[in-house]
């Protein structure tokens, strides 16, 4: 019985931790920005976005640098959902709109999209990816359950 106690404690912690991770993942951003390090165009559009965030602090923005693990997969998954082929950085997903690149027209699009989110509400870009091609949380929970049962049967 003493040998089981540490195993049960560890498995209990894992079972509690899995839902907490899922809850943190449920925070849905209004704006998802993909950029590159050392990208002048990205810094320029970040400046425009910073100005908008000072005006509308309720907007939730997530910045993703292309060197982060999984960044490329996420960007291409969103690009497919929006029906675009991003040819340069930055790539900004704002509600139901996407803005690629930099320039006065892109700045105006960003300003309009953010204002629309503030005053009319907008759907998170990540909500378009609701169907998870690989349900990692479900697999993790099932693995913990199977391990718990196996360990209890073996001990």
N, C-alpha and C. Protein backbone atom coordinates (compact mmCIF):
# COMPACT_ATOMS: atom_id res chain seq x y z
N UNK A 1 0.81 -1.20 0.00
CA UNK A 1 0.00 0.00 0.00
C UNK A 1 0.85 1.26 0.00
N UNK A 2 2.00 1.24 0.65
CA UNK A 2 2.87 2.40 0.70
C UNK A 2 3.41 2.74 -0.68
N UNK A 3 3.69 1.74 -1.50
CA UNK A 3 4.22 1.98 -2.85
C UNK A 3 3.20 2.66 -3.74
N UNK A 4 1.93 2.42 -3.50
CA UNK A 4 0.89 3.03 -4.33
C UNK A 4 0.70 4.52 -4.06
N UNK A 5 0.92 4.97 -2.88
CA UNK A 5 0.64 6.34 -2.49
C UNK A 5 1.34 7.36 -3.38
N UNK A 6 2.66 7.27 -3.61
CA UNK A 6 3.29 8.26 -4.50
C UNK A 6 2.73 8.22 -5.91
N UNK A 7 2.44 7.02 -6.42
CA UNK A 7 1.91 6.88 -7.78
C UNK A 7 0.54 7.53 -7.86
N UNK A 8 -0.30 7.29 -6.87
CA UNK A 8 -1.65 7.86 -6.88
C UNK A 8 -1.59 9.38 -6.77
N UNK A 9 -0.69 9.89 -5.92
CA UNK A 9 -0.55 11.34 -5.78
C UNK A 9 -0.13 11.97 -7.11
N UNK A 10 0.88 11.38 -7.77
CA UNK A 10 1.36 11.91 -9.05
C UNK A 10 0.25 11.86 -10.09
N UNK A 11 -0.46 10.76 -10.16
CA UNK A 11 -1.54 10.64 -11.16
C UNK A 11 -2.69 11.60 -10.85
N UNK A 12 -2.97 11.81 -9.57
CA UNK A 12 -4.02 12.78 -9.21
C UNK A 12 -3.63 14.18 -9.64
N UNK A 13 -2.37 14.55 -9.42
CA UNK A 13 -1.90 15.87 -9.84
C UNK A 13 -2.02 16.01 -11.35
N UNK A 14 -1.65 14.96 -12.09
CA UNK A 14 -1.77 15.01 -13.55
C UNK A 14 -3.21 15.17 -13.99
N UNK A 15 -4.12 14.46 -13.34
CA UNK A 15 -5.53 14.56 -13.72
C UNK A 15 -6.08 15.96 -13.45
N UNK A 16 -5.61 16.62 -12.40
CA UNK A 16 -6.04 17.97 -12.11
C UNK A 16 -5.38 18.96 -13.05
N UNK A 17 -4.13 18.74 -13.43
CA UNK A 17 -3.39 19.68 -14.26
C UNK A 17 -3.91 19.73 -15.69
N UNK A 18 -4.39 18.62 -16.22
CA UNK A 18 -4.85 18.59 -17.62
C UNK A 18 -5.99 19.57 -17.86
N UNK A 19 -7.05 19.61 -17.03
CA UNK A 19 -8.10 20.61 -17.26
C UNK A 19 -7.61 22.05 -17.11
N UNK A 20 -6.64 22.31 -16.21
CA UNK A 20 -6.13 23.66 -16.05
C UNK A 20 -5.46 24.12 -17.33
N UNK A 21 -4.69 23.25 -17.97
CA UNK A 21 -4.05 23.59 -19.24
C UNK A 21 -5.12 23.88 -20.29
N UNK A 22 -6.19 23.11 -20.31
CA UNK A 22 -7.27 23.33 -21.27
C UNK A 22 -7.94 24.68 -21.04
N UNK A 23 -8.14 25.07 -19.77
CA UNK A 23 -8.77 26.35 -19.48
C UNK A 23 -7.91 27.50 -19.94
N UNK A 24 -6.61 27.42 -19.74
CA UNK A 24 -5.72 28.49 -20.18
C UNK A 24 -5.74 28.61 -21.69
N UNK A 25 -5.90 27.51 -22.38
CA UNK A 25 -5.92 27.53 -23.84
C UNK A 25 -7.22 28.12 -24.38
N UNK A 26 -8.26 28.24 -23.51
CA UNK A 26 -9.55 28.74 -23.98
C UNK A 26 -9.59 30.25 -24.13
N UNK A 27 -8.58 30.98 -23.65
CA UNK A 27 -8.56 32.42 -23.85
C UNK A 27 -8.32 32.69 -25.32
N UNK A 28 -9.28 33.26 -25.98
CA UNK A 28 -9.24 33.44 -27.42
C UNK A 28 -8.86 34.88 -27.79
N UNK A 29 -7.76 35.06 -28.50
CA UNK A 29 -7.36 36.42 -28.88
C UNK A 29 -8.23 36.99 -29.99
N UNK A 30 -8.33 38.33 -30.00
CA UNK A 30 -9.02 39.02 -31.09
C UNK A 30 -8.09 39.19 -32.29
N UNK A 31 -6.79 39.30 -32.01
CA UNK A 31 -5.78 39.54 -33.04
C UNK A 31 -4.64 38.55 -32.84
N UNK A 32 -4.24 37.90 -33.93
CA UNK A 32 -3.06 37.02 -33.90
C UNK A 32 -2.09 37.58 -34.94
N UNK A 33 -0.88 37.94 -34.47
CA UNK A 33 0.13 38.55 -35.33
C UNK A 33 1.29 37.58 -35.51
N UNK A 34 1.60 37.27 -36.76
CA UNK A 34 2.77 36.45 -37.08
C UNK A 34 3.84 37.37 -37.65
N UNK A 35 5.05 37.27 -37.08
CA UNK A 35 6.13 38.15 -37.52
C UNK A 35 7.45 37.40 -37.53
N UNK A 36 8.46 38.07 -38.03
CA UNK A 36 9.82 37.56 -38.05
C UNK A 36 10.70 38.47 -37.22
N UNK A 37 11.73 37.90 -36.64
CA UNK A 37 12.72 38.73 -35.96
C UNK A 37 13.44 39.55 -37.01
N UNK A 38 13.86 40.73 -36.63
CA UNK A 38 14.60 41.63 -37.54
C UNK A 38 13.77 42.04 -38.76
N UNK A 39 12.47 42.08 -38.62
CA UNK A 39 11.58 42.45 -39.73
C UNK A 39 11.11 43.88 -39.51
N UNK A 40 11.60 44.80 -40.34
CA UNK A 40 11.22 46.21 -40.20
C UNK A 40 9.73 46.42 -40.44
N UNK A 41 9.17 45.72 -41.44
CA UNK A 41 7.74 45.84 -41.71
C UNK A 41 6.92 45.38 -40.50
N UNK A 42 7.40 44.32 -39.84
CA UNK A 42 6.70 43.81 -38.66
C UNK A 42 6.73 44.84 -37.54
N UNK A 43 7.87 45.46 -37.33
CA UNK A 43 7.99 46.48 -36.29
C UNK A 43 7.08 47.67 -36.59
N UNK A 44 6.99 48.04 -37.86
CA UNK A 44 6.12 49.16 -38.24
C UNK A 44 4.66 48.85 -37.90
N UNK A 45 4.19 47.67 -38.28
CA UNK A 45 2.79 47.33 -38.01
C UNK A 45 2.57 47.11 -36.51
N UNK A 46 3.59 46.66 -35.79
CA UNK A 46 3.47 46.55 -34.33
C UNK A 46 3.26 47.94 -33.72
N UNK A 47 3.92 48.95 -34.28
CA UNK A 47 3.73 50.32 -33.80
C UNK A 47 2.29 50.78 -34.00
N UNK A 48 1.72 50.47 -35.15
CA UNK A 48 0.32 50.82 -35.42
C UNK A 48 -0.59 50.08 -34.45
N UNK A 49 -0.31 48.80 -34.24
CA UNK A 49 -1.11 48.00 -33.33
C UNK A 49 -0.98 48.50 -31.89
N UNK A 50 0.22 48.90 -31.48
CA UNK A 50 0.41 49.46 -30.14
C UNK A 50 -0.42 50.72 -29.94
N UNK A 51 -0.47 51.56 -30.96
CA UNK A 51 -1.29 52.77 -30.89
C UNK A 51 -2.76 52.41 -30.71
N UNK A 52 -3.22 51.40 -31.44
CA UNK A 52 -4.61 50.96 -31.33
C UNK A 52 -4.88 50.36 -29.95
N UNK A 53 -3.91 49.65 -29.40
CA UNK A 53 -4.09 49.06 -28.07
C UNK A 53 -4.17 50.12 -26.98
N UNK A 54 -3.51 51.24 -27.17
CA UNK A 54 -3.65 52.34 -26.21
C UNK A 54 -5.07 52.91 -26.26
N UNK A 55 -5.65 52.96 -27.45
CA UNK A 55 -7.03 53.45 -27.60
C UNK A 55 -8.06 52.42 -27.14
N UNK A 56 -7.78 51.15 -27.42
CA UNK A 56 -8.73 50.06 -27.13
C UNK A 56 -8.01 48.96 -26.34
N UNK A 57 -7.81 49.18 -25.05
CA UNK A 57 -7.06 48.19 -24.26
C UNK A 57 -7.78 46.85 -24.09
N UNK A 58 -9.05 46.81 -24.43
CA UNK A 58 -9.79 45.55 -24.28
C UNK A 58 -9.47 44.53 -25.37
N UNK A 59 -8.78 44.94 -26.40
CA UNK A 59 -8.40 44.01 -27.47
C UNK A 59 -7.29 43.10 -26.96
N UNK A 60 -7.47 41.81 -27.17
CA UNK A 60 -6.49 40.81 -26.74
C UNK A 60 -5.67 40.38 -27.97
N UNK A 61 -4.37 40.63 -27.91
CA UNK A 61 -3.47 40.37 -29.04
C UNK A 61 -2.45 39.31 -28.65
N UNK A 62 -2.20 38.39 -29.56
CA UNK A 62 -1.15 37.39 -29.38
C UNK A 62 -0.14 37.57 -30.50
N UNK A 63 1.13 37.69 -30.14
CA UNK A 63 2.23 37.81 -31.11
C UNK A 63 2.93 36.46 -31.21
N UNK A 64 3.15 36.01 -32.44
CA UNK A 64 3.85 34.74 -32.67
C UNK A 64 5.01 35.01 -33.61
N UNK A 65 6.22 34.71 -33.14
CA UNK A 65 7.42 34.87 -33.97
C UNK A 65 7.62 33.58 -34.73
N UNK A 66 8.02 33.69 -35.99
CA UNK A 66 8.10 32.51 -36.86
C UNK A 66 9.07 31.44 -36.37
N UNK A 67 9.97 31.77 -35.45
CA UNK A 67 10.93 30.77 -34.95
C UNK A 67 10.39 29.99 -33.76
N UNK A 68 9.23 30.37 -33.23
CA UNK A 68 8.64 29.64 -32.10
C UNK A 68 8.16 28.27 -32.58
N UNK A 69 8.28 27.26 -31.71
CA UNK A 69 7.81 25.93 -32.09
C UNK A 69 6.32 25.95 -32.45
N UNK A 70 5.98 25.38 -33.56
CA UNK A 70 4.59 25.29 -34.00
C UNK A 70 4.06 26.54 -34.68
N UNK A 71 4.86 27.61 -34.75
CA UNK A 71 4.38 28.88 -35.33
C UNK A 71 4.01 28.71 -36.79
N UNK A 72 4.86 28.05 -37.53
CA UNK A 72 4.61 27.88 -38.97
C UNK A 72 3.34 27.06 -39.21
N UNK A 73 3.17 25.99 -38.44
CA UNK A 73 1.97 25.16 -38.61
C UNK A 73 0.70 25.95 -38.30
N UNK A 74 0.76 26.74 -37.23
CA UNK A 74 -0.41 27.54 -36.86
C UNK A 74 -0.72 28.60 -37.92
N UNK A 75 0.32 29.26 -38.41
CA UNK A 75 0.10 30.29 -39.42
C UNK A 75 -0.51 29.69 -40.69
N UNK A 76 0.02 28.56 -41.12
CA UNK A 76 -0.50 27.95 -42.35
C UNK A 76 -1.91 27.38 -42.16
N UNK A 77 -2.20 26.89 -40.95
CA UNK A 77 -3.56 26.41 -40.68
C UNK A 77 -4.56 27.57 -40.74
N UNK A 78 -4.19 28.70 -40.13
CA UNK A 78 -5.06 29.88 -40.20
C UNK A 78 -5.16 30.40 -41.63
N UNK A 79 -4.04 30.43 -42.34
CA UNK A 79 -4.06 30.91 -43.72
C UNK A 79 -5.01 30.07 -44.57
N UNK A 80 -5.00 28.77 -44.35
CA UNK A 80 -5.91 27.89 -45.10
C UNK A 80 -7.36 28.20 -44.76
N UNK A 81 -7.64 28.44 -43.48
CA UNK A 81 -9.01 28.77 -43.06
C UNK A 81 -9.49 30.10 -43.64
N UNK A 82 -8.57 31.05 -43.79
CA UNK A 82 -8.92 32.36 -44.34
C UNK A 82 -8.84 32.39 -45.87
N UNK A 83 -8.33 31.31 -46.46
CA UNK A 83 -8.25 31.24 -47.91
C UNK A 83 -7.18 32.14 -48.51
N UNK A 84 -6.06 32.28 -47.81
CA UNK A 84 -4.98 33.14 -48.32
C UNK A 84 -3.68 32.34 -48.41
N UNK A 85 -2.73 32.90 -49.14
CA UNK A 85 -1.38 32.37 -49.23
C UNK A 85 -0.44 33.50 -48.83
N UNK A 86 -0.04 33.52 -47.55
CA UNK A 86 0.79 34.65 -47.09
C UNK A 86 2.16 34.63 -47.76
N UNK A 87 2.50 35.74 -48.40
CA UNK A 87 3.75 35.81 -49.16
C UNK A 87 4.82 36.61 -48.45
N UNK A 88 4.46 37.30 -47.35
CA UNK A 88 5.44 38.09 -46.61
C UNK A 88 4.93 38.32 -45.21
N UNK A 89 5.81 38.85 -44.37
CA UNK A 89 5.46 39.19 -43.00
C UNK A 89 5.32 40.69 -42.87
N UNK A 90 4.54 41.14 -41.94
CA UNK A 90 3.74 40.42 -40.95
C UNK A 90 2.44 39.91 -41.55
N UNK A 91 1.85 38.94 -40.85
CA UNK A 91 0.53 38.43 -41.18
C UNK A 91 -0.32 38.63 -39.93
N UNK A 92 -1.37 39.43 -40.06
CA UNK A 92 -2.23 39.75 -38.93
C UNK A 92 -3.64 39.22 -39.19
N UNK A 93 -4.10 38.38 -38.28
CA UNK A 93 -5.46 37.87 -38.34
C UNK A 93 -6.26 38.63 -37.30
N UNK A 94 -7.28 39.36 -37.76
CA UNK A 94 -8.10 40.20 -36.88
C UNK A 94 -9.55 39.84 -37.11
N UNK A 95 -10.17 39.16 -36.15
CA UNK A 95 -11.55 38.74 -36.34
C UNK A 95 -11.66 37.90 -37.61
N UNK A 96 -12.50 38.35 -38.54
CA UNK A 96 -12.67 37.63 -39.80
C UNK A 96 -11.83 38.20 -40.93
N UNK A 97 -10.89 39.07 -40.60
CA UNK A 97 -10.05 39.69 -41.63
C UNK A 97 -8.60 39.27 -41.47
N UNK A 98 -7.87 39.32 -42.57
CA UNK A 98 -6.44 39.04 -42.53
C UNK A 98 -5.72 40.16 -43.29
N UNK A 99 -4.59 40.57 -42.74
CA UNK A 99 -3.80 41.64 -43.33
C UNK A 99 -2.38 41.10 -43.50
N UNK A 100 -1.88 41.15 -44.73
CA UNK A 100 -0.54 40.64 -45.03
C UNK A 100 0.32 41.78 -45.54
N UNK A 101 1.47 41.97 -44.87
CA UNK A 101 2.40 42.99 -45.34
C UNK A 101 2.21 44.32 -44.64
N UNK A 102 2.75 45.36 -45.29
CA UNK A 102 2.78 46.69 -44.70
C UNK A 102 2.45 47.72 -45.77
N UNK A 103 2.08 48.88 -45.33
CA UNK A 103 1.75 49.98 -46.24
C UNK A 103 0.56 50.74 -45.70
N UNK A 104 0.30 51.89 -46.27
CA UNK A 104 -0.80 52.74 -45.79
C UNK A 104 -2.13 52.01 -45.87
N UNK A 105 -2.36 51.29 -46.96
CA UNK A 105 -3.62 50.54 -47.11
C UNK A 105 -3.76 49.49 -46.01
N UNK A 106 -2.66 48.81 -45.69
CA UNK A 106 -2.67 47.77 -44.65
C UNK A 106 -2.93 48.37 -43.27
N UNK A 107 -2.34 49.55 -43.02
CA UNK A 107 -2.58 50.24 -41.76
C UNK A 107 -4.06 50.58 -41.61
N UNK A 108 -4.66 51.09 -42.68
CA UNK A 108 -6.07 51.44 -42.64
C UNK A 108 -6.94 50.19 -42.43
N UNK A 109 -6.56 49.10 -43.08
CA UNK A 109 -7.29 47.84 -42.87
C UNK A 109 -7.20 47.39 -41.42
N UNK A 110 -6.01 47.49 -40.83
CA UNK A 110 -5.83 47.09 -39.43
C UNK A 110 -6.66 47.96 -38.51
N UNK A 111 -6.61 49.27 -38.73
CA UNK A 111 -7.40 50.19 -37.89
C UNK A 111 -8.89 49.87 -37.99
N UNK A 112 -9.36 49.64 -39.20
CA UNK A 112 -10.77 49.33 -39.41
C UNK A 112 -11.16 48.00 -38.76
N UNK A 113 -10.31 46.99 -38.92
CA UNK A 113 -10.61 45.67 -38.36
C UNK A 113 -10.65 45.71 -36.83
N UNK A 114 -9.70 46.42 -36.22
CA UNK A 114 -9.67 46.51 -34.75
C UNK A 114 -10.88 47.29 -34.25
N UNK A 115 -11.20 48.39 -34.89
CA UNK A 115 -12.39 49.16 -34.48
C UNK A 115 -13.66 48.32 -34.61
N UNK A 116 -13.73 47.55 -35.67
CA UNK A 116 -14.88 46.68 -35.86
C UNK A 116 -14.99 45.66 -34.72
N UNK A 117 -13.85 45.12 -34.30
CA UNK A 117 -13.86 44.17 -33.18
C UNK A 117 -14.34 44.85 -31.90
N UNK A 118 -13.89 46.07 -31.68
CA UNK A 118 -14.25 46.78 -30.46
C UNK A 118 -15.73 47.12 -30.44
N UNK A 119 -16.24 47.69 -31.52
CA UNK A 119 -17.61 48.19 -31.52
C UNK A 119 -18.66 47.18 -31.94
N UNK A 120 -18.29 46.21 -32.78
CA UNK A 120 -19.27 45.24 -33.27
C UNK A 120 -19.02 43.83 -32.72
N UNK A 121 -17.88 43.65 -32.06
CA UNK A 121 -17.51 42.32 -31.60
C UNK A 121 -16.90 41.53 -32.75
N UNK A 122 -16.04 40.63 -32.41
CA UNK A 122 -15.46 39.79 -33.46
C UNK A 122 -15.12 38.41 -32.93
N UNK A 123 -15.11 37.51 -33.82
CA UNK A 123 -14.78 36.12 -33.53
C UNK A 123 -13.26 35.98 -33.51
N UNK A 124 -12.74 35.23 -32.58
CA UNK A 124 -11.30 35.01 -32.53
C UNK A 124 -10.83 34.25 -33.76
N UNK A 125 -9.69 34.64 -34.32
CA UNK A 125 -9.16 33.88 -35.45
C UNK A 125 -8.93 32.41 -35.09
N UNK A 126 -8.56 32.15 -33.85
CA UNK A 126 -8.29 30.76 -33.44
C UNK A 126 -9.56 29.92 -33.38
N UNK A 127 -10.73 30.57 -33.28
CA UNK A 127 -11.98 29.81 -33.24
C UNK A 127 -12.24 29.10 -34.57
N UNK A 128 -11.59 29.56 -35.63
CA UNK A 128 -11.73 28.88 -36.92
C UNK A 128 -11.06 27.51 -36.92
N UNK A 129 -10.19 27.30 -35.96
CA UNK A 129 -9.46 26.03 -35.88
C UNK A 129 -10.05 25.12 -34.81
N UNK A 130 -11.33 25.27 -34.52
CA UNK A 130 -11.97 24.50 -33.46
C UNK A 130 -11.85 23.01 -33.64
N UNK A 131 -11.92 22.57 -34.83
CA UNK A 131 -11.78 21.13 -35.02
C UNK A 131 -10.29 20.80 -34.96
N UNK A 132 -9.94 20.12 -33.89
CA UNK A 132 -8.55 19.78 -33.62
C UNK A 132 -8.20 18.51 -34.38
N UNK A 133 -7.25 18.56 -35.34
CA UNK A 133 -6.93 17.38 -36.12
C UNK A 133 -6.34 16.26 -35.25
N UNK A 134 -5.74 16.62 -34.13
CA UNK A 134 -5.19 15.64 -33.22
C UNK A 134 -5.56 16.07 -31.81
N UNK A 135 -6.56 15.43 -31.21
CA UNK A 135 -7.06 15.87 -29.90
C UNK A 135 -6.08 15.55 -28.77
N UNK A 136 -5.07 16.37 -28.62
CA UNK A 136 -4.00 16.13 -27.66
C UNK A 136 -4.52 16.03 -26.23
N UNK A 137 -5.45 16.88 -25.84
CA UNK A 137 -5.97 16.85 -24.47
C UNK A 137 -6.68 15.53 -24.20
N UNK A 138 -7.49 15.09 -25.14
CA UNK A 138 -8.20 13.82 -24.98
C UNK A 138 -7.22 12.66 -24.88
N UNK A 139 -6.20 12.65 -25.72
CA UNK A 139 -5.20 11.60 -25.69
C UNK A 139 -4.46 11.62 -24.36
N UNK A 140 -4.11 12.81 -23.86
CA UNK A 140 -3.40 12.91 -22.59
C UNK A 140 -4.25 12.38 -21.43
N UNK A 141 -5.51 12.74 -21.39
CA UNK A 141 -6.40 12.26 -20.33
C UNK A 141 -6.55 10.75 -20.40
N UNK A 142 -6.74 10.22 -21.61
CA UNK A 142 -6.88 8.78 -21.77
C UNK A 142 -5.60 8.06 -21.36
N UNK A 143 -4.44 8.61 -21.69
CA UNK A 143 -3.17 8.00 -21.32
C UNK A 143 -3.02 7.95 -19.80
N UNK A 144 -3.40 9.02 -19.11
CA UNK A 144 -3.32 9.05 -17.65
C UNK A 144 -4.26 8.01 -17.06
N UNK A 145 -5.46 7.90 -17.59
CA UNK A 145 -6.42 6.91 -17.08
C UNK A 145 -5.88 5.50 -17.29
N UNK A 146 -5.38 5.22 -18.48
CA UNK A 146 -4.84 3.88 -18.77
C UNK A 146 -3.65 3.57 -17.86
N UNK A 147 -2.75 4.53 -17.68
CA UNK A 147 -1.61 4.32 -16.79
C UNK A 147 -2.06 4.09 -15.36
N UNK A 148 -3.06 4.83 -14.91
CA UNK A 148 -3.57 4.66 -13.55
C UNK A 148 -4.12 3.26 -13.35
N UNK A 149 -4.92 2.81 -14.26
CA UNK A 149 -5.51 1.47 -14.17
C UNK A 149 -4.42 0.42 -14.23
N UNK A 150 -3.47 0.57 -15.16
CA UNK A 150 -2.39 -0.41 -15.28
C UNK A 150 -1.55 -0.47 -14.01
N UNK A 151 -1.21 0.68 -13.45
CA UNK A 151 -0.41 0.69 -12.22
C UNK A 151 -1.17 0.10 -11.04
N UNK A 152 -2.44 0.38 -10.94
CA UNK A 152 -3.24 -0.16 -9.85
C UNK A 152 -3.36 -1.68 -9.99
N UNK A 153 -3.46 -2.18 -11.20
CA UNK A 153 -3.55 -3.63 -11.40
C UNK A 153 -2.22 -4.32 -11.13
N UNK A 154 -1.11 -3.65 -11.45
CA UNK A 154 0.19 -4.25 -11.25
C UNK A 154 0.65 -4.22 -9.80
N UNK A 155 0.20 -3.22 -9.04
CA UNK A 155 0.67 -3.11 -7.65
C UNK A 155 -0.19 -3.85 -6.71
